Amino acid sequence: MNEQKHPHLKIKLCVSGAAETGHCGPDALEKAKELGREIVRQGGILVTGATTGFPMWSTMGAKEEGGLSVGISPASSEREHSEVYRLPLDYLDLIIYTGFGYSGRNLLLTRSSDAVFVGCGRIGTINEFTIAFEDGKPIGILNGEWETDEVLKTIIEKGRRANDKIVFDSDPKRLVEKVIELVKKDKVEDRDNHGRNNVL
C-alpha cells in the first residue's frame, strides 16, 4: 500500500470503556488519557461513544495532544444528548447524533472505526467488544487495575473461536502500536480516481 498517496486518510480508533468508573481503580484516569494521547501521537483520530468516564478521559488526552475527537451519540439531538442522556459535549470536535439508543450507537461506533480499544468497562463495553469481535476488527485490550481484561479473556476462551486480531498490553503506547500494525494489514490498496488499483 502506498501510504503517501492519501495522507489525509487517518486511522479511526475507538476507545470503549465505562461511563461510570467507580470500579476502575486509581490508575484508570491516567491510563485512559495516555491512550488518547498515543492515538493522536501515532496519527489516529479518536472515536468514542460521546460519553463520560473512561471514553471522556481518553478524549481529554487526545485534545492535550491537539488531536481530533469524534463522538457517536445514542441521542437524536444535542438537547437530547445533554438533557435526557446527560452526556458531555466537552472535548469532542464533532458529535454524530444517531437517535438509536445505546445498543444502536454501539454498532455504529464500532463499525465507524478501524479498530477498537477496550479499557475498564461494564456490559456496554462488553457489547462493543463482541460487535468488534464478530466484525473481525482489530481489538486492543488495555490491561489495568480492573476486571474487564480478565472477563474478556474468559469470553475469548469460552467462545472457542480463533481470533488473531486481539492484542493485550498494559502500556498504552505499545498497545496502540500493535493495533495500528493490525489495522494496516486490513487496509485496502490505494486506487486512483477511476477505481483502478495503483501499480507501484
Protein backbone atom coordinates (compact mmCIF):
# COMPACT_ATOMS: atom_id res chain seq x y z
CA MET A 1 0.00 0.00 0.00
CA ASN A 2 1.30 3.46 -0.88
CA GLU A 3 0.89 5.29 2.43
CA GLN A 4 1.99 8.64 0.95
CA LYS A 5 -0.71 8.82 -1.74
CA HIS A 6 -3.58 9.75 0.59
CA PRO A 7 -2.03 11.32 3.72
CA HIS A 8 -5.38 12.88 4.63
CA LEU A 9 -6.88 9.46 5.34
CA LYS A 10 -6.44 8.98 9.08
CA ILE A 11 -6.92 5.78 11.02
CA LYS A 12 -10.07 5.99 13.17
CA LEU A 13 -9.50 4.38 16.56
CA CYS A 14 -12.35 3.79 19.01
CA VAL A 15 -11.92 3.81 22.77
CA SER A 16 -14.57 1.83 24.61
CA GLY A 17 -14.94 1.89 28.38
CA ALA A 18 -17.10 2.53 31.39
CA ALA A 19 -19.11 5.73 31.69
CA GLU A 20 -19.34 5.17 35.46
CA THR A 21 -15.83 4.42 36.70
CA GLY A 22 -16.17 3.69 40.43
CA HIS A 23 -14.88 0.14 39.90
CA CYS A 24 -11.97 1.07 37.63
CA GLY A 25 -9.22 1.69 40.16
CA PRO A 26 -6.87 4.62 40.78
CA ASP A 27 -4.84 4.41 37.56
CA ALA A 28 -7.79 4.41 35.14
CA LEU A 29 -7.84 8.17 34.57
CA GLU A 30 -4.17 8.41 33.60
CA LYS A 31 -4.25 5.21 31.52
CA ALA A 32 -7.29 6.45 29.57
CA LYS A 33 -5.71 9.86 28.96
CA GLU A 34 -2.46 8.27 27.85
CA LEU A 35 -4.36 6.01 25.46
CA GLY A 36 -5.97 9.09 23.90
CA ARG A 37 -2.61 10.85 23.69
CA GLU A 38 -0.97 7.85 22.00
CA ILE A 39 -3.75 7.53 19.43
CA VAL A 40 -3.05 11.12 18.37
CA ARG A 41 0.75 10.82 18.60
CA GLN A 42 0.61 7.81 16.29
CA GLY A 43 -1.52 9.61 13.70
CA GLY A 44 -5.03 8.45 14.57
CA ILE A 45 -8.39 10.11 15.10
CA LEU A 46 -10.11 9.21 18.36
CA VAL A 47 -13.70 7.95 18.19
CA THR A 48 -15.80 7.39 21.33
CA GLY A 49 -19.40 6.90 22.36
CA ALA A 50 -19.56 10.59 23.38
CA THR A 51 -19.98 9.60 27.00
CA THR A 52 -18.50 10.22 30.44
CA GLY A 53 -15.83 8.24 32.29
CA PHE A 54 -13.12 6.24 30.54
CA PRO A 55 -14.02 7.37 26.99
CA MET A 56 -14.16 11.04 28.02
CA TRP A 57 -10.81 10.75 29.77
CA SER A 58 -9.32 9.43 26.53
CA THR A 59 -10.74 12.45 24.68
CA MET A 60 -9.08 14.72 27.26
CA GLY A 61 -5.74 13.09 26.44
CA ALA A 62 -6.35 13.37 22.70
CA LYS A 63 -7.12 17.08 23.00
CA GLU A 64 -3.99 17.62 25.12
CA GLU A 65 -2.05 16.41 22.08
CA GLY A 66 -4.04 18.64 19.71
CA GLY A 67 -5.84 15.69 18.12
CA LEU A 68 -9.27 15.24 16.59
CA SER A 69 -12.01 13.65 18.68
CA VAL A 70 -15.31 12.35 17.28
CA GLY A 71 -18.27 11.24 19.40
CA ILE A 72 -21.06 8.89 18.30
CA SER A 73 -24.07 9.68 20.49
CA PRO A 74 -27.08 7.49 21.32
CA ALA A 75 -29.24 10.64 21.22
CA SER A 76 -31.02 12.18 18.25
CA SER A 77 -30.06 15.79 19.02
CA GLU A 78 -27.70 17.92 21.09
CA ARG A 79 -30.52 18.72 23.52
CA GLU A 80 -31.42 15.04 23.99
CA HIS A 81 -27.73 14.17 24.32
CA SER A 82 -27.28 16.74 27.06
CA GLU A 83 -30.63 16.80 28.87
CA VAL A 84 -32.05 13.26 28.50
CA TYR A 85 -28.90 11.12 28.32
CA ARG A 86 -26.93 13.63 30.41
CA LEU A 87 -23.83 13.15 28.30
CA PRO A 88 -21.00 15.68 27.90
CA LEU A 89 -20.24 17.96 24.98
CA ASP A 90 -16.70 18.68 26.18
CA TYR A 91 -13.52 17.59 24.38
CA LEU A 92 -15.42 16.49 21.24
CA ASP A 93 -14.75 18.21 17.91
CA LEU A 94 -17.70 16.51 16.23
CA ILE A 95 -20.70 14.65 17.62
CA ILE A 96 -22.81 12.45 15.37
CA TYR A 97 -26.34 12.08 16.74
CA THR A 98 -27.69 8.63 15.85
CA GLY A 99 -31.02 8.56 17.69
CA PHE A 100 -30.54 4.79 18.03
CA GLY A 101 -30.08 4.48 21.80
CA TYR A 102 -27.10 2.77 23.36
CA SER A 103 -27.27 -0.57 21.53
CA GLY A 104 -27.68 1.03 18.09
CA ARG A 105 -24.99 3.57 18.91
CA ASN A 106 -22.61 0.78 19.88
CA LEU A 107 -22.98 -0.85 16.48
CA LEU A 108 -22.34 2.39 14.60
CA LEU A 109 -19.46 3.29 16.90
CA THR A 110 -17.52 0.10 16.25
CA ARG A 111 -18.42 -0.08 12.54
CA SER A 112 -17.24 3.53 12.04
CA SER A 113 -13.82 2.70 13.48
CA ASP A 114 -10.83 0.86 12.05
CA ALA A 115 -10.11 -0.73 15.43
CA VAL A 116 -11.45 -0.78 18.98
CA PHE A 117 -9.54 -0.29 22.24
CA VAL A 118 -11.13 -1.63 25.40
CA GLY A 119 -10.34 -0.22 28.84
CA CYS A 120 -12.14 -0.57 32.14
CA GLY A 121 -15.79 -1.28 31.37
CA ARG A 122 -19.12 -2.87 32.11
CA ILE A 123 -21.83 -4.52 29.99
CA GLY A 124 -21.90 -1.78 27.33
CA THR A 125 -18.15 -2.12 26.86
CA ILE A 126 -18.50 -5.88 26.56
CA ASN A 127 -21.24 -5.32 23.95
CA GLU A 128 -18.90 -3.11 21.91
CA PHE A 129 -16.15 -5.72 22.24
CA THR A 130 -18.40 -8.54 20.97
CA ILE A 131 -19.59 -6.46 17.99
CA ALA A 132 -15.99 -5.69 17.06
CA PHE A 133 -15.08 -9.37 17.54
CA GLU A 134 -17.92 -10.53 15.28
CA ASP A 135 -16.96 -7.95 12.65
CA GLY A 136 -13.33 -9.04 12.65
CA LYS A 137 -11.99 -5.67 13.77
CA PRO A 138 -8.55 -5.35 15.33
CA ILE A 139 -9.02 -5.04 19.10
CA GLY A 140 -6.59 -3.74 21.71
CA ILE A 141 -7.37 -4.64 25.30
CA LEU A 142 -5.71 -2.42 27.89
CA ASN A 143 -4.66 -4.36 30.98
CA GLY A 144 -5.15 -2.43 34.21
CA GLU A 145 -6.36 -2.49 37.79
CA TRP A 146 -9.83 -3.62 36.72
CA GLU A 147 -11.54 -6.91 35.88
CA THR A 148 -12.59 -6.14 32.31
CA ASP A 149 -9.47 -7.61 30.72
CA GLU A 150 -9.92 -10.87 32.64
CA VAL A 151 -13.63 -11.04 31.76
CA LEU A 152 -12.76 -10.59 28.08
CA LYS A 153 -10.07 -13.29 28.27
CA THR A 154 -12.72 -15.67 29.61
CA ILE A 155 -15.16 -14.73 26.83
CA ILE A 156 -12.45 -15.32 24.22
CA GLU A 157 -11.51 -18.70 25.72
CA LYS A 158 -15.10 -19.90 26.18
CA GLY A 159 -16.13 -18.60 22.75
CA ARG A 160 -13.95 -21.25 21.12
CA ARG A 161 -13.29 -19.19 18.03
CA ALA A 162 -9.75 -18.34 16.96
CA ASN A 163 -9.05 -14.64 16.54
CA ASP A 164 -5.58 -13.30 15.72
CA LYS A 165 -6.65 -9.64 15.76
CA ILE A 166 -6.82 -9.24 19.54
CA VAL A 167 -3.84 -7.94 21.50
CA PHE A 168 -3.37 -7.25 25.21
CA ASP A 169 -0.93 -4.82 26.80
CA SER A 170 -0.72 -2.68 29.94
CA ASP A 171 1.28 0.04 28.17
CA PRO A 172 -0.90 2.37 26.03
CA LYS A 173 1.96 3.23 23.66
CA ARG A 174 2.78 -0.39 22.87
CA LEU A 175 -0.90 -1.29 22.61
CA VAL A 176 -1.58 1.45 20.05
CA GLU A 177 1.50 0.42 18.05
CA LYS A 178 0.34 -3.21 17.93
CA VAL A 179 -3.21 -2.32 16.92
CA ILE A 180 -2.12 0.11 14.19
CA GLU A 181 0.00 -2.68 12.68
CA LEU A 182 -3.11 -4.88 12.56
CA VAL A 183 -5.16 -2.05 11.02
CA LYS A 184 -2.58 -1.52 8.28
CA LYS A 185 -2.89 -5.18 7.28
CA ASP A 186 -6.66 -4.69 6.79
CA LYS A 187 -6.45 -1.53 4.68
CA VAL A 188 -7.43 -1.80 1.02
CA GLU A 189 -4.94 -0.89 -1.67
CA ASP A 190 -4.91 2.70 -2.87
CA ARG A 191 -6.94 3.26 -6.01
CA ASP A 192 -6.77 6.08 -8.48
CA ASN A 193 -9.74 8.35 -9.24
CA HIS A 194 -11.18 5.82 -11.67
CA GLY A 195 -11.25 2.98 -9.16
CA ARG A 196 -8.26 1.14 -10.63
CA ASN A 197 -5.62 -0.38 -8.37
CA ASN A 198 -2.44 1.65 -8.40
CA VAL A 199 0.59 -0.17 -9.67
CA LEU A 200 3.80 0.98 -7.99
